[in-house]
Every structure is written in C-alpha cells, then in structure tokens.
Amino acid sequence: MAVEIITKDDLQVFRVQLLNDIKQLLVVPTQASKPWLRSHEVRKLLKISAGTLQKLRIEGVLRYTKVGTILYYRYEDIVKLLESNMTA
C-alpha cells in the first residue's frame, strides 16, 4: 500500500480550486444569456413569494410584459431594482 503525504501547500491549492468551483456554480445568469425571465424565475432569483411579486407589479416597482397568460420580466429591470435599493 502506497502512502501519500499531503502538505499544507497541497491543501491550500485544493482550497483555492474548491472555492473557484463553488463560485462558478453560484454565478447568476447574465443579461446576455437570458434577457427575459418568467415569474417563477424572478421569485427564485429574489427569494420572494408570489404575493410579493404581485405587489411589486401592482405598485409599479417592477415592470413586466404579459404574453397570453405568462408574465415576463426583464433581467435588466430586476438589476436596476436591486441597485436602487442598495444601502451604504
């Protein structure tokens, strides 16, 4: 049975690789990849309920487009909404 010795440098390299892999998994889709989102995607992205999303629509906070029975939201508008509510 072969024995391998793992050094602190080996663990540091593994840590950096693991963090990079996790970051790639957590990347939010960009506007170029998907400019329009459906309601369930917006709720998942913002972690809000259907009622909260409806309230944002009614109050005119978040613009939308309706095609048939499906509501679509521009990714750009969601980013603007988040940026406008940033605090220092």
PDB file of N, CA and C in Angstrom:
ATOM      1  N   MET A   1       0.836  -1.171   0.000  1.00  0.00           N
ATOM      2  CA  MET A   1       0.000   0.000   0.000  1.00  0.00           C
ATOM      3  C   MET A   1       0.888   1.243   0.000  1.00  0.00           C
ATOM      4  N   ALA A   2       0.666   2.114  -0.976  1.00  0.00           N
ATOM      5  CA  ALA A   2       1.461   3.338  -1.105  1.00  0.00           C
ATOM      6  C   ALA A   2       0.909   4.402  -0.173  1.00  0.00           C
ATOM      7  N   VAL A   3       1.783   5.143   0.431  1.00  0.00           N
ATOM      8  CA  VAL A   3       1.410   6.211   1.348  1.00  0.00           C
ATOM      9  C   VAL A   3       1.745   7.548   0.696  1.00  0.00           C
ATOM     10  N   GLU A   4       0.759   8.458   0.666  1.00  0.00           N
ATOM     11  CA  GLU A   4       0.987   9.803   0.141  1.00  0.00           C
ATOM     12  C   GLU A   4       0.925  10.787   1.285  1.00  0.00           C
ATOM     13  N   ILE A   5       1.839  11.704   1.291  1.00  0.00           N
ATOM     14  CA  ILE A   5       1.865  12.733   2.316  1.00  0.00           C
ATOM     15  C   ILE A   5       1.269  14.005   1.720  1.00  0.00           C
ATOM     16  N   ILE A   6       0.299  14.551   2.439  1.00  0.00           N
ATOM     17  CA  ILE A   6      -0.362  15.776   1.994  1.00  0.00           C
ATOM     18  C   ILE A   6       0.211  16.939   2.803  1.00  0.00           C
ATOM     19  N   THR A   7       0.707  17.929   2.090  1.00  0.00           N
ATOM     20  CA  THR A   7       1.312  19.088   2.757  1.00  0.00           C
ATOM     21  C   THR A   7       0.304  20.228   2.881  1.00  0.00           C
ATOM     22  N   LYS A   8       0.672  21.237   3.632  1.00  0.00           N
ATOM     23  CA  LYS A   8      -0.177  22.425   3.762  1.00  0.00           C
ATOM     24  C   LYS A   8      -0.347  23.110   2.408  1.00  0.00           C
ATOM     25  N   ASP A   9       0.700  23.102   1.602  1.00  0.00           N
ATOM     26  CA  ASP A   9       0.606  23.693   0.264  1.00  0.00           C
ATOM     27  C   ASP A   9      -0.395  22.942  -0.603  1.00  0.00           C
ATOM     28  N   ASP A  10      -0.409  21.613  -0.489  1.00  0.00           N
ATOM     29  CA  ASP A  10      -1.382  20.811  -1.229  1.00  0.00           C
ATOM     30  C   ASP A  10      -2.805  21.177  -0.811  1.00  0.00           C
ATOM     31  N   LEU A  11      -3.007  21.331   0.480  1.00  0.00           N
ATOM     32  CA  LEU A  11      -4.335  21.706   0.976  1.00  0.00           C
ATOM     33  C   LEU A  11      -4.727  23.109   0.529  1.00  0.00           C
ATOM     34  N   GLN A  12      -3.769  24.014   0.476  1.00  0.00           N
ATOM     35  CA  GLN A  12      -4.056  25.382   0.027  1.00  0.00           C
ATOM     36  C   GLN A  12      -4.466  25.377  -1.453  1.00  0.00           C
ATOM     37  N   VAL A  13      -3.780  24.624  -2.277  1.00  0.00           N
ATOM     38  CA  VAL A  13      -4.122  24.515  -3.701  1.00  0.00           C
ATOM     39  C   VAL A  13      -5.519  23.919  -3.848  1.00  0.00           C
ATOM     40  N   PHE A  14      -5.815  22.885  -3.074  1.00  0.00           N
ATOM     41  CA  PHE A  14      -7.140  22.252  -3.118  1.00  0.00           C
ATOM     42  C   PHE A  14      -8.219  23.246  -2.698  1.00  0.00           C
ATOM     43  N   ARG A  15      -7.946  24.035  -1.659  1.00  0.00           N
ATOM     44  CA  ARG A  15      -8.901  25.025  -1.168  1.00  0.00           C
ATOM     45  C   ARG A  15      -9.220  26.051  -2.257  1.00  0.00           C
ATOM     46  N   VAL A  16      -8.195  26.556  -2.920  1.00  0.00           N
ATOM     47  CA  VAL A  16      -8.391  27.558  -3.976  1.00  0.00           C
ATOM     48  C   VAL A  16      -9.210  26.962  -5.123  1.00  0.00           C
ATOM     49  N   GLN A  17      -8.898  25.751  -5.511  1.00  0.00           N
ATOM     50  CA  GLN A  17      -9.639  25.097  -6.592  1.00  0.00           C
ATOM     51  C   GLN A  17     -11.095  24.879  -6.195  1.00  0.00           C
ATOM     52  N   LEU A  18     -11.330  24.461  -4.960  1.00  0.00           N
ATOM     53  CA  LEU A  18     -12.687  24.224  -4.479  1.00  0.00           C
ATOM     54  C   LEU A  18     -13.489  25.522  -4.449  1.00  0.00           C
ATOM     55  N   LEU A  19     -12.893  26.595  -3.961  1.00  0.00           N
ATOM     56  CA  LEU A  19     -13.583  27.890  -3.930  1.00  0.00           C
ATOM     57  C   LEU A  19     -13.923  28.383  -5.334  1.00  0.00           C
ATOM     58  N   ASN A  20     -13.013  28.205  -6.269  1.00  0.00           N
ATOM     59  CA  ASN A  20     -13.287  28.603  -7.654  1.00  0.00           C
ATOM     60  C   ASN A  20     -14.430  27.789  -8.248  1.00  0.00           C
ATOM     61  N   ASP A  21     -14.472  26.499  -7.958  1.00  0.00           N
ATOM     62  CA  ASP A  21     -15.555  25.647  -8.448  1.00  0.00           C
ATOM     63  C   ASP A  21     -16.897  26.079  -7.856  1.00  0.00           C
ATOM     64  N   ILE A  22     -16.910  26.402  -6.584  1.00  0.00           N
ATOM     65  CA  ILE A  22     -18.148  26.846  -5.933  1.00  0.00           C
ATOM     66  C   ILE A  22     -18.607  28.176  -6.512  1.00  0.00           C
ATOM     67  N   LYS A  23     -17.690  29.102  -6.742  1.00  0.00           N
ATOM     68  CA  LYS A  23     -18.041  30.392  -7.335  1.00  0.00           C
ATOM     69  C   LYS A  23     -18.686  30.213  -8.706  1.00  0.00           C
ATOM     70  N   GLN A  24     -18.172  29.298  -9.509  1.00  0.00           N
ATOM     71  CA  GLN A  24     -18.734  29.054 -10.838  1.00  0.00           C
ATOM     72  C   GLN A  24     -20.149  28.507 -10.738  1.00  0.00           C
ATOM     73  N   LEU A  25     -20.432  27.713  -9.720  1.00  0.00           N
ATOM     74  CA  LEU A  25     -21.773  27.171  -9.542  1.00  0.00           C
ATOM     75  C   LEU A  25     -22.770  28.232  -9.095  1.00  0.00           C
ATOM     76  N   LEU A  26     -22.287  29.256  -8.414  1.00  0.00           N
ATOM     77  CA  LEU A  26     -23.167  30.284  -7.865  1.00  0.00           C
ATOM     78  C   LEU A  26     -23.336  31.500  -8.758  1.00  0.00           C
ATOM     79  N   VAL A  27     -22.758  31.488  -9.943  1.00  0.00           N
ATOM     80  CA  VAL A  27     -22.842  32.633 -10.840  1.00  0.00           C
ATOM     81  C   VAL A  27     -24.292  32.838 -11.272  1.00  0.00           C
ATOM     82  N   VAL A  28     -24.754  34.088 -11.132  1.00  0.00           N
ATOM     83  CA  VAL A  28     -26.112  34.462 -11.547  1.00  0.00           C
ATOM     84  C   VAL A  28     -26.113  34.642 -13.051  1.00  0.00           C
ATOM     85  N   PRO A  29     -27.166  34.172 -13.736  1.00  0.00           N
ATOM     86  CA  PRO A  29     -27.196  34.348 -15.189  1.00  0.00           C
ATOM     87  C   PRO A  29     -27.115  35.823 -15.563  1.00  0.00           C
ATOM     88  N   THR A  30     -26.369  36.108 -16.598  1.00  0.00           N
ATOM     89  CA  THR A  30     -26.216  37.487 -17.038  1.00  0.00           C
ATOM     90  C   THR A  30     -27.327  37.866 -18.004  1.00  0.00           C
ATOM     91  N   GLN A  31     -27.437  39.146 -18.236  1.00  0.00           N
ATOM     92  CA  GLN A  31     -28.477  39.645 -19.127  1.00  0.00           C
ATOM     93  C   GLN A  31     -28.329  39.049 -20.521  1.00  0.00           C
ATOM     94  N   ALA A  32     -27.114  38.898 -20.992  1.00  0.00           N
ATOM     95  CA  ALA A  32     -26.896  38.404 -22.345  1.00  0.00           C
ATOM     96  C   ALA A  32     -27.378  36.968 -22.502  1.00  0.00           C
ATOM     97  N   SER A  33     -27.272  36.165 -21.437  1.00  0.00           N
ATOM     98  CA  SER A  33     -27.666  34.774 -21.563  1.00  0.00           C
ATOM     99  C   SER A  33     -29.187  34.607 -21.533  1.00  0.00           C
ATOM    100  N   LYS A  34     -29.877  35.442 -20.764  1.00  0.00           N
ATOM    101  CA  LYS A  34     -31.326  35.320 -20.681  1.00  0.00           C
ATOM    102  C   LYS A  34     -31.924  36.683 -20.338  1.00  0.00           C
ATOM    103  N   PRO A  35     -32.319  37.451 -21.343  1.00  0.00           N
ATOM    104  CA  PRO A  35     -32.804  38.814 -21.083  1.00  0.00           C
ATOM    105  C   PRO A  35     -34.195  38.865 -20.450  1.00  0.00           C
ATOM    106  N   TRP A  36     -35.016  37.838 -20.622  1.00  0.00           N
ATOM    107  CA  TRP A  36     -36.372  37.824 -20.082  1.00  0.00           C
ATOM    108  C   TRP A  36     -36.543  36.638 -19.144  1.00  0.00           C
ATOM    109  N   LEU A  37     -37.166  36.891 -17.989  1.00  0.00           N
ATOM    110  CA  LEU A  37     -37.398  35.843 -17.001  1.00  0.00           C
ATOM    111  C   LEU A  37     -38.891  35.697 -16.750  1.00  0.00           C
ATOM    112  N   ARG A  38     -39.305  34.469 -16.470  1.00  0.00           N
ATOM    113  CA  ARG A  38     -40.696  34.214 -16.107  1.00  0.00           C
ATOM    114  C   ARG A  38     -40.870  34.425 -14.611  1.00  0.00           C
ATOM    115  N   SER A  39     -42.114  34.470 -14.161  1.00  0.00           N
ATOM    116  CA  SER A  39     -42.419  34.778 -12.756  1.00  0.00           C
ATOM    117  C   SER A  39     -41.694  33.853 -11.789  1.00  0.00           C
ATOM    118  N   HIS A  40     -41.722  32.550 -12.052  1.00  0.00           N
ATOM    119  CA  HIS A  40     -41.095  31.613 -11.108  1.00  0.00           C
ATOM    120  C   HIS A  40     -39.583  31.813 -11.036  1.00  0.00           C
ATOM    121  N   GLU A  41     -38.982  32.247 -12.140  1.00  0.00           N
ATOM    122  CA  GLU A  41     -37.539  32.504 -12.141  1.00  0.00           C
ATOM    123  C   GLU A  41     -37.209  33.760 -11.327  1.00  0.00           C
ATOM    124  N   VAL A  42     -38.062  34.777 -11.446  1.00  0.00           N
ATOM    125  CA  VAL A  42     -37.860  36.018 -10.688  1.00  0.00           C
ATOM    126  C   VAL A  42     -38.029  35.747  -9.194  1.00  0.00           C
ATOM    127  N   ARG A  43     -39.066  34.976  -8.844  1.00  0.00           N
ATOM    128  CA  ARG A  43     -39.293  34.650  -7.429  1.00  0.00           C
ATOM    129  C   ARG A  43     -38.109  33.884  -6.851  1.00  0.00           C
ATOM    130  N   LYS A  44     -37.572  32.963  -7.627  1.00  0.00           N
ATOM    131  CA  LYS A  44     -36.428  32.183  -7.167  1.00  0.00           C
ATOM    132  C   LYS A  44     -35.187  33.063  -7.045  1.00  0.00           C
ATOM    133  N   LEU A  45     -34.968  33.936  -8.000  1.00  0.00           N
ATOM    134  CA  LEU A  45     -33.808  34.812  -8.014  1.00  0.00           C
ATOM    135  C   LEU A  45     -33.831  35.783  -6.829  1.00  0.00           C
ATOM    136  N   LEU A  46     -35.005  36.378  -6.571  1.00  0.00           N
ATOM    137  CA  LEU A  46     -35.133  37.356  -5.494  1.00  0.00           C
ATOM    138  C   LEU A  46     -35.509  36.730  -4.158  1.00  0.00           C
ATOM    139  N   LYS A  47     -35.843  35.440  -4.182  1.00  0.00           N
ATOM    140  CA  LYS A  47     -36.266  34.722  -2.974  1.00  0.00           C
ATOM    141  C   LYS A  47     -37.477  35.408  -2.336  1.00  0.00           C
ATOM    142  N   ILE A  48     -38.507  35.610  -3.168  1.00  0.00           N
ATOM    143  CA  ILE A  48     -39.736  36.245  -2.704  1.00  0.00           C
ATOM    144  C   ILE A  48     -40.923  35.352  -3.053  1.00  0.00           C
ATOM    145  N   SER A  49     -42.050  35.617  -2.428  1.00  0.00           N
ATOM    146  CA  SER A  49     -43.263  34.836  -2.686  1.00  0.00           C
ATOM    147  C   SER A  49     -44.002  35.386  -3.904  1.00  0.00           C
ATOM    148  N   ALA A  50     -44.992  34.631  -4.357  1.00  0.00           N
ATOM    149  CA  ALA A  50     -45.814  35.063  -5.487  1.00  0.00           C
ATOM    150  C   ALA A  50     -46.566  36.341  -5.129  1.00  0.00           C
ATOM    151  N   GLY A  51     -47.027  36.444  -3.883  1.00  0.00           N
ATOM    152  CA  GLY A  51     -47.740  37.638  -3.427  1.00  0.00           C
ATOM    153  C   GLY A  51     -46.856  38.877  -3.441  1.00  0.00           C
ATOM    154  N   THR A  52     -45.623  38.720  -3.026  1.00  0.00           N
ATOM    155  CA  THR A  52     -44.687  39.852  -3.035  1.00  0.00           C
ATOM    156  C   THR A  52     -44.408  40.297  -4.459  1.00  0.00           C
ATOM    157  N   LEU A  53     -44.241  39.349  -5.368  1.00  0.00           N
ATOM    158  CA  LEU A  53     -44.011  39.694  -6.769  1.00  0.00           C
ATOM    159  C   LEU A  53     -45.226  40.421  -7.337  1.00  0.00           C
ATOM    160  N   GLN A  54     -46.415  39.960  -6.980  1.00  0.00           N
ATOM    161  CA  GLN A  54     -47.634  40.623  -7.441  1.00  0.00           C
ATOM    162  C   GLN A  54     -47.705  42.056  -6.899  1.00  0.00           C
ATOM    163  N   LYS A  55     -47.322  42.237  -5.641  1.00  0.00           N
ATOM    164  CA  LYS A  55     -47.317  43.572  -5.040  1.00  0.00           C
ATOM    165  C   LYS A  55     -46.346  44.496  -5.774  1.00  0.00           C
ATOM    166  N   LEU A  56     -45.181  43.990  -6.148  1.00  0.00           N
ATOM    167  CA  LEU A  56     -44.214  44.790  -6.899  1.00  0.00           C
ATOM    168  C   LEU A  56     -44.785  45.206  -8.254  1.00  0.00           C
ATOM    169  N   ARG A  57     -45.552  44.315  -8.877  1.00  0.00           N
ATOM    170  CA  ARG A  57     -46.193  44.648 -10.165  1.00  0.00           C
ATOM    171  C   ARG A  57     -47.258  45.713  -9.979  1.00  0.00           C
ATOM    172  N   ILE A  58     -48.140  45.504  -9.001  1.00  0.00           N
ATOM    173  CA  ILE A  58     -49.263  46.422  -8.778  1.00  0.00           C
ATOM    174  C   ILE A  58     -48.778  47.828  -8.440  1.00  0.00           C
ATOM    175  N   GLU A  59     -47.731  47.910  -7.610  1.00  0.00           N
ATOM    176  CA  GLU A  59     -47.208  49.207  -7.198  1.00  0.00           C
ATOM    177  C   GLU A  59     -46.345  49.861  -8.275  1.00  0.00           C
ATOM    178  N   GLY A  60     -46.102  49.139  -9.374  1.00  0.00           N
ATOM    179  CA  GLY A  60     -45.314  49.694 -10.467  1.00  0.00           C
ATOM    180  C   GLY A  60     -43.821  49.703 -10.193  1.00  0.00           C
ATOM    181  N   VAL A  61     -43.393  48.951  -9.188  1.00  0.00           N
ATOM    182  CA  VAL A  61     -41.975  48.890  -8.837  1.00  0.00           C
ATOM    183  C   VAL A  61     -41.210  48.053  -9.853  1.00  0.00           C
ATOM    184  N   LEU A  62     -41.839  47.002 -10.342  1.00  0.00           N
ATOM    185  CA  LEU A  62     -41.195  46.098 -11.294  1.00  0.00           C
ATOM    186  C   LEU A  62     -42.066  45.980 -12.539  1.00  0.00           C
ATOM    187  N   ARG A  63     -41.505  46.397 -13.668  1.00  0.00           N
ATOM    188  CA  ARG A  63     -42.247  46.347 -14.925  1.00  0.00           C
ATOM    189  C   ARG A  63     -42.296  44.911 -15.449  1.00  0.00           C
ATOM    190  N   TYR A  64     -43.299  44.630 -16.254  1.00  0.00           N
ATOM    191  CA  TYR A  64     -43.466  43.291 -16.815  1.00  0.00           C
ATOM    192  C   TYR A  64     -44.177  43.368 -18.152  1.00  0.00           C
ATOM    193  N   THR A  65     -44.115  42.276 -18.873  1.00  0.00           N
ATOM    194  CA  THR A  65     -44.824  42.127 -20.140  1.00  0.00           C
ATOM    195  C   THR A  65     -45.642  40.854 -20.050  1.00  0.00           C
ATOM    196  N   LYS A  66     -46.863  40.918 -20.529  1.00  0.00           N
ATOM    197  CA  LYS A  66     -47.737  39.749 -20.480  1.00  0.00           C
ATOM    198  C   LYS A  66     -47.990  39.251 -21.894  1.00  0.00           C
ATOM    199  N   VAL A  67     -47.699  37.979 -22.109  1.00  0.00           N
ATOM    200  CA  VAL A  67     -47.974  37.329 -23.392  1.00  0.00           C
ATOM    201  C   VAL A  67     -48.902  36.162 -23.081  1.00  0.00           C
ATOM    202  N   GLY A  68     -50.145  36.311 -23.498  1.00  0.00           N
ATOM    203  CA  GLY A  68     -51.132  35.301 -23.127  1.00  0.00           C
ATOM    204  C   GLY A  68     -51.340  35.354 -21.624  1.00  0.00           C
ATOM    205  N   THR A  69     -51.070  34.240 -20.962  1.00  0.00           N
ATOM    206  CA  THR A  69     -51.202  34.195 -19.507  1.00  0.00           C
ATOM    207  C   THR A  69     -49.855  34.217 -18.791  1.00  0.00           C
ATOM    208  N   ILE A  70     -48.781  34.349 -19.541  1.00  0.00           N
ATOM    209  CA  ILE A  70     -47.437  34.291 -18.965  1.00  0.00           C
ATOM    210  C   ILE A  70     -46.865  35.696 -18.809  1.00  0.00           C
ATOM    211  N   LEU A  71     -46.329  35.965 -17.619  1.00  0.00           N
ATOM    212  CA  LEU A  71     -45.701  37.251 -17.337  1.00  0.00           C
ATOM    213  C   LEU A  71     -44.193  37.123 -17.500  1.00  0.00           C
ATOM    214  N   TYR A  72     -43.599  38.115 -18.165  1.00  0.00           N
ATOM    215  CA  TYR A  72     -42.155  38.144 -18.374  1.00  0.00           C
ATOM    216  C   TYR A  72     -41.594  39.425 -17.772  1.00  0.00           C
ATOM    217  N   TYR A  73     -40.389  39.314 -17.203  1.00  0.00           N
ATOM    218  CA  TYR A  73     -39.706  40.436 -16.580  1.00  0.00           C
ATOM    219  C   TYR A  73     -38.317  40.560 -17.185  1.00  0.00           C
ATOM    220  N   ARG A  74     -37.901  41.784 -17.448  1.00  0.00           N
ATOM    221  CA  ARG A  74     -36.554  41.985 -17.990  1.00  0.00           C
ATOM    222  C   ARG A  74     -35.531  41.839 -16.873  1.00  0.00           C
ATOM    223  N   TYR A  75     -34.495  41.084 -17.151  1.00  0.00           N
ATOM    224  CA  TYR A  75     -33.411  40.894 -16.179  1.00  0.00           C
ATOM    225  C   TYR A  75     -32.810  42.249 -15.810  1.00  0.00           C
ATOM    226  N   GLU A  76     -32.681  43.115 -16.798  1.00  0.00           N
ATOM    227  CA  GLU A  76     -32.123  44.453 -16.588  1.00  0.00           C
ATOM    228  C   GLU A  76     -32.946  45.237 -15.568  1.00  0.00           C
ATOM    229  N   ASP A  77     -34.279  45.111 -15.615  1.00  0.00           N
ATOM    230  CA  ASP A  77     -35.139  45.811 -14.661  1.00  0.00           C
ATOM    231  C   ASP A  77     -34.958  45.279 -13.242  1.00  0.00           C
ATOM    232  N   ILE A  78     -34.727  44.000 -13.125  1.00  0.00           N
ATOM    233  CA  ILE A  78     -34.509  43.402 -11.800  1.00  0.00           C
ATOM    234  C   ILE A  78     -33.199  43.912 -11.212  1.00  0.00           C
ATOM    235  N   VAL A  79     -32.164  43.995 -12.039  1.00  0.00           N
ATOM    236  CA  VAL A  79     -30.869  44.514 -11.583  1.00  0.00           C
ATOM    237  C   VAL A  79     -31.023  45.966 -11.141  1.00  0.00           C
ATOM    238  N   LYS A  80     -31.759  46.760 -11.914  1.00  0.00           N
ATOM    239  CA  LYS A  80     -31.986  48.168 -11.562  1.00  0.00           C
ATOM    240  C   LYS A  80     -32.731  48.282 -10.230  1.00  0.00           C
ATOM    241  N   LEU A  81     -33.721  47.414 -10.027  1.00  0.00           N
ATOM    242  CA  LEU A  81     -34.486  47.426  -8.782  1.00  0.00           C
ATOM    243  C   LEU A  81     -33.563  47.140  -7.600  1.00  0.00           C
ATOM    244  N   LEU A  82     -32.697  46.167  -7.733  1.00  0.00           N
ATOM    245  CA  LEU A  82     -31.766  45.828  -6.662  1.00  0.00           C
ATOM    246  C   LEU A  82     -30.785  46.968  -6.398  1.00  0.00           C
ATOM    247  N   GLU A  83     -30.272  47.557  -7.472  1.00  0.00           N
ATOM    248  CA  GLU A  83     -29.301  48.646  -7.314  1.00  0.00           C
ATOM    249  C   GLU A  83     -29.934  49.899  -6.709  1.00  0.00           C
ATOM    250  N   SER A  84     -31.196  50.156  -7.019  1.00  0.00           N
ATOM    251  CA  SER A  84     -31.867  51.349  -6.495  1.00  0.00           C
ATOM    252  C   SER A  84     -32.178  51.213  -5.004  1.00  0.00           C
ATOM    253  N   ASN A  85     -32.163  50.000  -4.500  1.00  0.00           N
ATOM    254  CA  ASN A  85     -32.466  49.789  -3.071  1.00  0.00           C
ATOM    255  C   ASN A  85     -31.221  49.476  -2.256  1.00  0.00           C
ATOM    256  N   MET A  86     -30.044  49.732  -2.823  1.00  0.00           N
ATOM    257  CA  MET A  86     -28.799  49.481  -2.095  1.00  0.00           C
ATOM    258  C   MET A  86     -28.638  50.491  -0.973  1.00  0.00           C
ATOM    259  N   THR A  87     -28.077  50.031   0.130  1.00  0.00           N
ATOM    260  CA  THR A  87     -27.776  50.917   1.244  1.00  0.00           C
ATOM    261  C   THR A  87     -26.270  50.977   1.452  1.00  0.00           C
ATOM    262  N   ALA A  88     -25.820  52.027   2.075  1.00  0.00           N
ATOM    263  CA  ALA A  88     -24.382  52.215   2.295  1.00  0.00           C
ATOM    264  C   ALA A  88     -23.872  51.354   3.411  1.00  0.00           C
TER     265      ALA A  88
END
